[in-house]
C-alpha cells in the first residue's frame, strides 16, 4: 500500500499497511515552482522599492522604540514583553513575512491581541499614527511608504475587527473601517 498525505505544506510518503509514521518522517518540501517564483517576485519588487531586510529592521527598531516611550501604548507592551530583543526579532520575522512573503513567521497575532483587555479603536488608531510617523522618518520612496503603510492598516483593521467580532458578534464586523490611512 502506498499513499501520499499533504501535511502543513510537506508531502509525506508512507508505504506498508499499518506503519504509522510521525508527521516529519519522510517529509520533503513540495515542488511548487509557481509559489516559489511568486515569493521571489514579491521580495524582489519590495527590494526595488527599498524595502529590504535592513529597512525592515530599522522600521521595527524605531517603531518599537516609539511604542516603549508612548504614554498610551507603552504600558500595554511593558506588561506583556519582558524580553525586548526576542520580541524585536519576532517582529522582524513578522514584517519580513508580510513584506517579502518570506514565510519565516509563525504565531497567532489575533489570539495575542484578543487576550489584551480593553483594546479598542483608539489604541489601533494611535498604533497606526506612530507607525506612519516612523515610516515618514525612514522613507525610501513614496511608493514604499504607501505599500508598507497599507499592509499595517490592513493588519490593524483585521486585529480590531477580530477583537470586536469576538466581543460583539457580527456587530463588530466593520470595526476597523474608520482606521486612518497614511
Protein backbone atom coordinates (compact mmCIF):
# COMPACT_ATOMS: atom_id res chain seq x y z
CA UNK A 1 0.00 0.00 0.00
CA UNK A 2 1.26 3.48 -0.85
CA UNK A 3 -0.25 6.84 -0.01
CA UNK A 4 0.72 10.48 -0.05
CA UNK A 5 -0.54 12.92 2.54
CA UNK A 6 -0.14 16.68 2.44
CA UNK A 7 0.56 17.99 5.96
CA UNK A 8 1.41 21.63 6.64
CA UNK A 9 2.89 22.14 3.20
CA UNK A 10 5.01 18.99 3.14
CA UNK A 11 4.43 15.81 1.22
CA UNK A 12 4.85 12.59 3.16
CA UNK A 13 5.09 9.17 1.66
CA UNK A 14 4.08 6.08 3.53
CA UNK A 15 4.17 2.54 2.35
CA UNK A 16 3.14 -0.66 4.01
CA UNK A 17 -0.07 -1.40 5.83
CA UNK A 18 -0.37 -0.07 9.33
CA UNK A 19 3.09 1.51 9.51
CA UNK A 20 2.36 4.77 11.23
CA UNK A 21 4.97 7.48 10.93
CA UNK A 22 5.19 10.82 12.64
CA UNK A 23 4.44 13.98 10.58
CA UNK A 24 8.09 14.69 9.78
CA UNK A 25 9.04 11.21 8.67
CA UNK A 26 9.95 11.11 5.01
CA UNK A 27 8.80 14.70 4.57
CA UNK A 28 10.22 16.69 1.69
CA UNK A 29 9.36 20.17 0.54
CA UNK A 30 6.65 20.24 -2.11
CA UNK A 31 7.65 21.02 -5.64
CA UNK A 32 5.70 24.15 -6.42
CA UNK A 33 7.59 26.30 -8.86
CA UNK A 34 4.76 28.81 -9.20
CA UNK A 35 4.66 29.56 -5.46
CA UNK A 36 8.45 29.85 -5.29
CA UNK A 37 8.54 32.27 -8.22
CA UNK A 38 5.69 34.33 -6.75
CA UNK A 39 7.50 34.55 -3.40
CA UNK A 40 10.75 35.58 -5.09
CA UNK A 41 8.94 38.19 -7.21
CA UNK A 42 7.25 39.73 -4.17
CA UNK A 43 10.56 40.07 -2.38
CA UNK A 44 12.33 41.44 -5.48
CA UNK A 45 9.58 44.02 -6.04
CA UNK A 46 9.73 45.13 -2.41
CA UNK A 47 13.51 45.39 -2.54
CA UNK A 48 13.32 47.50 -5.72
CA UNK A 49 11.33 50.00 -3.64
CA UNK A 50 13.97 49.92 -0.91
CA UNK A 51 12.05 47.56 1.36
CA UNK A 52 14.89 45.19 2.12
CA UNK A 53 15.82 43.40 5.34
CA UNK A 54 17.79 46.44 6.57
CA UNK A 55 14.81 48.74 6.00
CA UNK A 56 12.52 46.35 7.88
CA UNK A 57 15.00 46.09 10.78
CA UNK A 58 15.22 49.90 11.01
CA UNK A 59 11.43 50.23 10.88
CA UNK A 60 10.95 47.66 13.64
CA UNK A 61 13.70 49.17 15.83
CA UNK A 62 12.46 52.76 15.55
CA UNK A 63 8.77 51.94 15.73
CA UNK A 64 9.05 49.86 18.88
CA UNK A 65 11.29 52.49 20.47
CA UNK A 66 8.36 54.88 19.98
CA UNK A 67 5.95 52.32 21.38
CA UNK A 68 8.04 51.81 24.52
CA UNK A 69 8.10 55.59 25.15
CA UNK A 70 4.42 56.12 24.38
CA UNK A 71 2.02 57.03 27.20
CA UNK A 72 -0.93 55.09 25.77
CA UNK A 73 0.69 52.00 24.27
CA UNK A 74 3.93 51.74 26.24
CA UNK A 75 2.29 50.36 29.42
CA UNK A 76 0.31 47.76 27.44
CA UNK A 77 3.51 46.44 25.86
CA UNK A 78 5.50 46.70 29.11
CA UNK A 79 3.02 44.40 30.86
CA UNK A 80 3.47 41.70 28.24
CA UNK A 81 7.00 41.90 26.89
CA UNK A 82 9.88 41.05 29.16
CA UNK A 83 12.50 40.24 26.53
CA UNK A 84 12.60 43.10 24.02
CA UNK A 85 15.39 41.66 21.81
CA UNK A 86 13.35 38.46 21.41
CA UNK A 87 10.20 40.48 20.61
CA UNK A 88 12.04 42.65 18.07
CA UNK A 89 13.41 39.52 16.41
CA UNK A 90 9.88 38.12 16.21
CA UNK A 91 8.58 41.40 14.75
CA UNK A 92 11.37 41.43 12.16
CA UNK A 93 10.35 37.92 11.11
CA UNK A 94 6.69 39.01 11.05
CA UNK A 95 7.31 42.05 8.83
CA UNK A 96 9.64 40.14 6.51
CA UNK A 97 6.88 37.55 6.14
CA UNK A 98 4.36 40.28 5.35
CA UNK A 99 6.53 42.38 3.04
CA UNK A 100 8.72 39.70 1.44
CA UNK A 101 6.43 36.70 1.79
CA UNK A 102 9.38 35.00 3.48
CA UNK A 103 7.26 32.53 5.43
CA UNK A 104 9.57 32.75 8.44
CA UNK A 105 6.99 33.94 10.99
CA UNK A 106 4.83 31.54 12.89
CA UNK A 107 2.44 32.71 15.52
CA UNK A 108 -1.10 33.90 16.05
CA UNK A 109 -1.25 37.68 16.50
CA UNK A 110 -5.05 37.57 16.70
CA UNK A 111 -5.07 35.37 19.80
CA UNK A 112 -2.37 37.51 21.44
CA UNK A 113 -4.35 40.72 20.82
CA UNK A 114 -7.70 39.23 21.87
CA UNK A 115 -6.14 38.38 25.23
CA UNK A 116 -5.48 42.06 25.98
CA UNK A 117 -8.45 43.51 27.87
CA UNK A 118 -9.76 46.92 26.84
CA UNK A 119 -8.15 47.20 23.39
CA UNK A 120 -10.32 49.40 21.22
CA UNK A 121 -10.23 51.54 18.12
CA UNK A 122 -8.30 54.41 19.75
CA UNK A 123 -5.40 52.06 20.50
CA UNK A 124 -5.19 50.91 16.89
CA UNK A 125 -5.55 54.47 15.58
CA UNK A 126 -2.68 55.53 17.81
CA UNK A 127 -0.60 52.49 16.82
CA UNK A 128 -1.09 53.46 13.17
CA UNK A 129 -0.19 57.11 13.84
CA UNK A 130 3.10 56.02 15.43
CA UNK A 131 3.73 53.56 12.61
CA UNK A 132 3.05 56.17 9.91
CA UNK A 133 5.31 58.70 11.68
CA UNK A 134 8.12 56.14 11.78
CA UNK A 135 7.63 55.33 8.10
CA UNK A 136 7.75 59.02 7.26
CA UNK A 137 11.10 59.35 9.05
CA UNK A 138 12.78 56.50 7.22
CA UNK A 139 11.00 56.78 3.86
CA UNK A 140 12.93 55.43 0.89
CA UNK A 141 10.19 56.31 -1.59
CA UNK A 142 6.56 57.37 -1.52
CA UNK A 143 5.62 54.07 -3.15
CA UNK A 144 7.44 52.08 -0.44
CA UNK A 145 5.77 54.11 2.29
CA UNK A 146 2.35 53.56 0.75
CA UNK A 147 2.92 49.81 0.41
CA UNK A 148 4.13 49.29 3.99
CA UNK A 149 1.50 51.66 5.44
CA UNK A 150 -1.24 49.85 3.55
CA UNK A 151 -0.12 46.49 4.98
CA UNK A 152 -0.01 47.98 8.51
CA UNK A 153 -3.52 49.37 8.12
CA UNK A 154 -4.85 46.04 6.87
CA UNK A 155 -3.29 44.31 9.88
CA UNK A 156 -4.73 46.86 12.33
CA UNK A 157 -8.15 46.55 10.65
CA UNK A 158 -8.03 42.76 10.84
CA UNK A 159 -6.99 42.70 14.51
CA UNK A 160 -9.54 45.30 15.61
CA UNK A 161 -12.31 43.61 13.62
CA UNK A 162 -11.41 40.20 15.07
CA UNK A 163 -11.45 41.59 18.60
CA UNK A 164 -14.80 43.30 18.09
CA UNK A 165 -16.42 40.30 16.41
CA UNK A 166 -15.24 38.20 19.34
CA UNK A 167 -16.82 40.69 21.76
CA UNK A 168 -20.00 41.68 19.91
CA UNK A 169 -20.57 39.08 17.24
CA UNK A 170 -21.26 40.33 13.73
CA UNK A 171 -21.93 43.80 15.15
CA UNK A 172 -18.16 44.25 15.19
CA UNK A 173 -17.62 43.10 11.61
CA UNK A 174 -16.68 46.54 10.30
CA UNK A 175 -14.88 47.79 13.41
CA UNK A 176 -11.73 48.79 11.53
CA UNK A 177 -13.39 50.70 8.69
CA UNK A 178 -12.68 54.09 10.29
CA UNK A 179 -8.97 53.50 10.92
CA UNK A 180 -6.78 56.18 9.31
CA UNK A 181 -4.87 55.69 6.09
CA UNK A 182 -1.35 57.01 5.59
